């Protein structure tokens, strides 16, 4: 059952991402980076079908990845690559789908949204569409750069290459819009819109602040013992995880109770347990 669910995510995600290409990105020559960006350039310059070049470019990358990183990608990466090669051709040649707007900015925004949503579902199905994901991991191994930074470098290079090829740097701006929006959509699909926040509060009024957090925000809190390295003075440290919409309120509570308190707030990309969604198999 779980395998079937993953395959549905892979297929559905590939179809959604393909719509982003066919309806918005390909017609306007907007490159969102990566292998797909190169395929868009080849489509407009050499008239090579998008799906064909996407698959052809991914084959050597996949083989290189297997050689360097080991065969960790598995069948789901192959399936994701094949589906993202076939769906655009199906939409273009069989259903005769194409641009549905004449505005390039709208195309970059909605193209990025569909692309990001589709790739998010592919990743949710434990899959991959190959390309820059593999190249990013290879760069990480050889250069020490994080995979995320490596992928950003590759995508940026492809976007600039596309703009240079078509002799208009407006396409680079549109490409970066699509890339930014797609990355945000991936986060939304994988993590949801309501990101959690981790909060550390260093205070001498931990009891009162902790009580208000539990009463007013309906959040649990953990009291830790802290000691200043320089002053050697004891301070209470309250740790809690809140919803993003509660961030301003917790700042107000701390400010009202202890203006001298020190607060650290950071993003949390996944929280499981009481008060938050539990993991679903």
Protein backbone atom coordinates (compact mmCIF):
# COMPACT_ATOMS: atom_id res chain seq x y z
CA UNK A 1 0.00 0.00 0.00
CA UNK A 2 2.82 2.39 0.91
CA UNK A 3 4.63 1.63 -2.37
CA UNK A 4 1.44 2.39 -4.30
CA UNK A 5 1.08 5.68 -2.42
CA UNK A 6 4.68 6.63 -3.26
CA UNK A 7 4.15 5.78 -6.93
CA UNK A 8 1.01 7.96 -7.00
CA UNK A 9 3.00 10.84 -5.51
CA UNK A 10 5.71 10.28 -8.13
CA UNK A 11 3.27 10.14 -11.03
CA UNK A 12 1.08 13.00 -9.83
CA UNK A 13 4.06 15.17 -8.98
CA UNK A 14 5.70 14.54 -12.35
CA UNK A 15 2.45 15.44 -14.13
CA UNK A 16 2.06 18.69 -12.16
CA UNK A 17 5.68 19.70 -12.76
CA UNK A 18 5.27 18.91 -16.45
CA UNK A 19 2.28 21.24 -16.64
CA UNK A 20 4.48 23.98 -15.24
CA UNK A 21 6.93 23.42 -18.07
CA UNK A 22 4.40 23.04 -20.89
CA UNK A 23 1.95 25.80 -19.94
CA UNK A 24 4.39 28.42 -18.68
CA UNK A 25 8.14 27.88 -18.73
CA UNK A 26 8.87 26.30 -22.13
CA UNK A 27 6.76 28.73 -24.23
CA UNK A 28 8.49 31.75 -22.65
CA UNK A 29 12.01 30.25 -22.71
CA UNK A 30 12.19 30.61 -18.93
CA UNK A 31 14.89 28.39 -17.46
CA UNK A 32 14.43 27.42 -13.79
CA UNK A 33 17.95 25.99 -13.77
CA UNK A 34 19.17 22.41 -13.80
CA UNK A 35 18.79 19.82 -16.53
CA UNK A 36 15.31 21.07 -17.40
CA UNK A 37 16.76 24.52 -18.05
CA UNK A 38 19.28 23.08 -20.50
CA UNK A 39 16.46 21.12 -22.16
CA UNK A 40 14.45 24.33 -22.62
CA UNK A 41 17.46 25.94 -24.33
CA UNK A 42 17.88 22.92 -26.62
CA UNK A 43 14.15 22.94 -27.40
CA UNK A 44 14.26 26.51 -28.69
CA UNK A 45 17.70 26.51 -30.35
CA UNK A 46 17.98 23.02 -31.87
CA UNK A 47 14.28 22.03 -31.84
CA UNK A 48 15.08 18.96 -29.73
CA UNK A 49 11.91 17.73 -27.94
CA UNK A 50 12.01 18.71 -24.27
CA UNK A 51 11.28 15.22 -22.95
CA UNK A 52 13.88 13.59 -25.19
CA UNK A 53 16.73 15.92 -24.20
CA UNK A 54 15.72 15.80 -20.53
CA UNK A 55 15.95 12.01 -20.51
CA UNK A 56 19.13 11.90 -22.62
CA UNK A 57 20.93 14.38 -20.37
CA UNK A 58 19.89 12.55 -17.22
CA UNK A 59 21.20 9.14 -18.32
CA UNK A 60 24.94 9.99 -18.08
CA UNK A 61 24.32 12.00 -14.90
CA UNK A 62 22.59 9.01 -13.34
CA UNK A 63 25.39 6.63 -14.36
CA UNK A 64 27.99 9.06 -13.02
CA UNK A 65 26.06 9.31 -9.78
CA UNK A 66 25.95 5.52 -9.43
CA UNK A 67 29.70 5.33 -9.98
CA UNK A 68 30.57 8.11 -7.54
CA UNK A 69 27.87 7.80 -4.89
CA UNK A 70 26.72 4.20 -5.21
CA UNK A 71 23.36 2.91 -6.37
CA UNK A 72 21.35 4.70 -3.68
CA UNK A 73 18.97 6.40 -6.05
CA UNK A 74 17.13 3.21 -6.92
CA UNK A 75 14.14 2.63 -9.12
CA UNK A 76 12.25 5.70 -7.91
CA UNK A 77 14.84 8.06 -9.39
CA UNK A 78 14.66 6.22 -12.70
CA UNK A 79 10.85 6.30 -12.58
CA UNK A 80 10.79 10.01 -11.72
CA UNK A 81 13.16 10.83 -14.58
CA UNK A 82 11.19 8.76 -17.09
CA UNK A 83 7.84 10.26 -16.06
CA UNK A 84 9.16 13.81 -16.22
CA UNK A 85 10.42 13.02 -19.71
CA UNK A 86 7.17 11.48 -20.95
CA UNK A 87 4.51 13.79 -19.48
CA UNK A 88 5.64 16.97 -21.29
CA UNK A 89 5.61 15.13 -24.62
CA UNK A 90 2.16 13.72 -23.86
CA UNK A 91 0.76 17.14 -22.95
CA UNK A 92 2.31 18.84 -25.99
CA UNK A 93 1.88 16.23 -28.74
CA UNK A 94 -1.24 14.32 -27.68
CA UNK A 95 -3.27 16.92 -25.80
CA UNK A 96 -1.82 19.85 -27.81
CA UNK A 97 -1.33 21.96 -24.70
CA UNK A 98 0.70 25.17 -24.72
CA UNK A 99 0.96 28.66 -23.27
CA UNK A 100 -2.16 29.92 -21.49
CA UNK A 101 -0.91 33.46 -20.84
CA UNK A 102 0.88 36.17 -22.80
CA UNK A 103 2.58 37.67 -19.75
CA UNK A 104 6.10 36.39 -19.04
CA UNK A 105 6.04 37.42 -15.37
CA UNK A 106 2.82 35.50 -14.79
CA UNK A 107 4.42 32.57 -16.59
CA UNK A 108 7.48 32.61 -14.30
CA UNK A 109 5.32 32.82 -11.16
CA UNK A 110 2.81 30.11 -12.04
CA UNK A 111 5.42 27.98 -13.77
CA UNK A 112 7.50 28.08 -10.60
CA UNK A 113 4.47 27.24 -8.47
CA UNK A 114 3.50 24.19 -10.52
CA UNK A 115 7.10 23.03 -10.85
CA UNK A 116 7.73 23.35 -7.12
CA UNK A 117 4.45 21.68 -6.18
CA UNK A 118 5.17 18.81 -8.54
CA UNK A 119 8.73 18.27 -7.33
CA UNK A 120 7.48 18.51 -3.75
CA UNK A 121 5.08 15.62 -4.34
CA UNK A 122 7.86 13.63 -6.04
CA UNK A 123 10.06 14.10 -2.98
CA UNK A 124 7.10 13.26 -0.73
CA UNK A 125 6.93 9.95 -2.56
CA UNK A 126 10.59 9.34 -1.60
CA UNK A 127 11.56 9.87 -5.23
CA UNK A 128 13.80 12.12 -7.27
CA UNK A 129 13.92 13.41 -10.82
CA UNK A 130 17.71 13.13 -11.00
CA UNK A 131 19.57 16.01 -12.62
CA UNK A 132 20.91 18.66 -10.27
CA UNK A 133 19.99 16.58 -7.23
CA UNK A 134 22.65 14.05 -8.25
CA UNK A 135 25.13 16.68 -9.45
CA UNK A 136 24.72 18.56 -6.17
CA UNK A 137 25.58 15.46 -4.18
CA UNK A 138 28.62 14.80 -6.38
CA UNK A 139 29.83 18.39 -5.87
CA UNK A 140 29.27 17.99 -2.15
CA UNK A 141 31.52 14.93 -2.11
CA UNK A 142 34.38 16.50 -4.07
CA UNK A 143 34.26 20.15 -2.93
CA UNK A 144 32.83 20.01 0.58
CA UNK A 145 30.09 22.49 -0.34
CA UNK A 146 26.67 21.61 1.02
CA UNK A 147 24.32 19.90 -1.42
CA UNK A 148 21.94 22.87 -1.27
CA UNK A 149 24.66 25.39 -2.14
CA UNK A 150 25.96 23.10 -4.89
CA UNK A 151 22.51 22.86 -6.48
CA UNK A 152 22.08 26.64 -6.26
CA UNK A 153 25.42 27.16 -8.06
CA UNK A 154 24.45 24.73 -10.84
CA UNK A 155 20.98 26.25 -11.24
CA UNK A 156 22.41 29.78 -11.35
CA UNK A 157 24.92 28.79 -14.02
CA UNK A 158 22.18 27.26 -16.19
CA UNK A 159 19.90 30.30 -15.78
CA UNK A 160 22.70 32.68 -16.81
CA UNK A 161 23.66 30.38 -19.69
CA UNK A 162 20.06 30.46 -20.90
CA UNK A 163 19.93 34.26 -20.73
CA UNK A 164 23.22 34.53 -22.63
CA UNK A 165 22.03 32.06 -25.29
CA UNK A 166 18.84 34.03 -25.97
CA UNK A 167 20.68 37.36 -25.63
CA UNK A 168 18.28 38.79 -23.07
CA UNK A 169 19.11 38.98 -19.39
CA UNK A 170 15.46 39.59 -18.57
CA UNK A 171 15.16 35.81 -18.88
CA UNK A 172 17.68 35.44 -16.04
CA UNK A 173 15.46 37.55 -13.79
CA UNK A 174 12.40 35.51 -14.76
CA UNK A 175 14.37 32.31 -14.22
CA UNK A 176 15.36 33.34 -10.71
CA UNK A 177 11.73 34.20 -9.93
CA UNK A 178 10.66 30.72 -11.05
CA UNK A 179 13.53 29.09 -9.12
CA UNK A 180 12.73 30.98 -5.92
CA UNK A 181 9.01 30.26 -6.07
CA UNK A 182 9.54 26.58 -6.91
CA UNK A 183 11.88 26.15 -3.92
CA UNK A 184 9.30 27.75 -1.62
CA UNK A 185 6.54 25.53 -3.01
CA UNK A 186 8.68 22.45 -2.36
CA UNK A 187 9.01 23.56 1.28
CA UNK A 188 5.26 24.12 1.56
CA UNK A 189 4.44 20.68 0.15
CA UNK A 190 6.99 18.88 2.33
CA UNK A 191 6.58 20.87 5.55
CA UNK A 192 3.24 22.66 5.32
CA UNK A 193 2.63 26.39 5.50
CA UNK A 194 2.57 26.56 9.29
CA UNK A 195 6.27 26.26 10.05
CA UNK A 196 7.13 25.77 13.68
CA UNK A 197 9.55 27.92 15.66
CA UNK A 198 11.99 26.80 18.35
CA UNK A 199 12.33 29.37 21.12
CA UNK A 200 15.04 29.67 23.78
CA UNK A 201 14.44 32.28 26.48
CA UNK A 202 17.27 33.16 28.88
CA UNK A 203 15.71 34.89 31.88
CA UNK A 204 15.66 35.28 35.66
CA UNK A 205 11.86 35.24 35.64
CA UNK A 206 11.45 31.80 34.13
CA UNK A 207 8.57 30.74 36.40
CA UNK A 208 6.26 33.61 35.44
CA UNK A 209 7.15 33.50 31.74
CA UNK A 210 6.74 29.72 31.61
CA UNK A 211 3.32 29.92 33.26
CA UNK A 212 2.10 32.51 30.73
CA UNK A 213 3.39 30.47 27.79
CA UNK A 214 1.49 27.41 28.99
CA UNK A 215 -1.67 29.36 29.87
CA UNK A 216 -1.91 31.86 27.00
CA UNK A 217 -0.27 29.98 24.14
CA UNK A 218 -1.31 26.49 25.26
CA UNK A 219 2.26 25.30 24.62
CA UNK A 220 4.41 23.06 26.76
CA UNK A 221 7.79 24.34 27.90
CA UNK A 222 10.97 22.82 29.30
CA UNK A 223 13.04 24.58 31.96
CA UNK A 224 16.80 24.19 31.67
CA UNK A 225 19.56 25.34 34.00
CA UNK A 226 21.97 27.87 32.51
CA UNK A 227 25.06 29.67 33.72
CA UNK A 228 26.76 32.69 32.16
CA UNK A 229 30.33 31.85 31.14
CA UNK A 230 31.59 35.36 31.91
CA UNK A 231 29.49 36.32 34.94
CA UNK A 232 29.10 32.75 36.29
CA UNK A 233 25.57 33.78 37.25
CA UNK A 234 22.75 31.26 37.11
CA UNK A 235 19.95 31.92 34.63
CA UNK A 236 16.89 29.94 33.74
CA UNK A 237 16.52 28.80 30.13
CA UNK A 238 13.03 28.11 28.81
CA UNK A 239 12.78 25.96 25.68
CA UNK A 240 9.54 25.59 23.75
CA UNK A 241 8.25 24.98 20.24
CA UNK A 242 5.47 27.20 18.96
CA UNK A 243 3.51 27.76 15.77
CA UNK A 244 4.75 30.60 13.58
CA UNK A 245 1.60 32.65 14.20
CA UNK A 246 2.44 32.64 17.95
CA UNK A 247 5.87 34.23 17.49
CA UNK A 248 4.85 37.84 18.09
CA UNK A 249 2.79 36.96 21.15
CA UNK A 250 5.63 35.11 22.87
CA UNK A 251 7.90 38.12 22.28
CA UNK A 252 5.29 40.34 23.95
CA UNK A 253 5.03 38.00 26.94
CA UNK A 254 8.80 37.97 27.46
CA UNK A 255 9.08 41.74 27.02
CA UNK A 256 6.30 42.33 29.56
CA UNK A 257 7.76 39.99 32.17
CA UNK A 258 11.51 40.52 31.71
CA UNK A 259 12.78 43.28 29.40
CA UNK A 260 16.35 42.09 30.10
CA UNK A 261 15.66 38.56 28.81
CA UNK A 262 17.61 37.15 25.87
CA UNK A 263 15.56 35.33 23.19
CA UNK A 264 16.67 33.05 20.37
CA UNK A 265 14.05 32.05 17.77
CA UNK A 266 14.80 29.69 14.89
CA UNK A 267 12.87 27.82 12.20
CA UNK A 268 11.99 24.18 12.79
CA UNK A 269 11.20 22.18 9.68
CA UNK A 270 9.55 19.21 11.36
CA UNK A 271 7.92 18.63 14.73
CA UNK A 272 6.28 15.35 15.70
CA UNK A 273 4.36 14.69 18.87
CA UNK A 274 1.75 16.16 21.17
CA UNK A 275 0.33 19.43 19.88
CA UNK A 276 1.77 18.89 16.42
CA UNK A 277 1.03 16.44 13.57
CA UNK A 278 2.12 12.86 14.17
CA UNK A 279 4.03 10.92 11.56
CA UNK A 280 1.77 9.11 9.09
CA UNK A 281 3.07 5.98 7.45
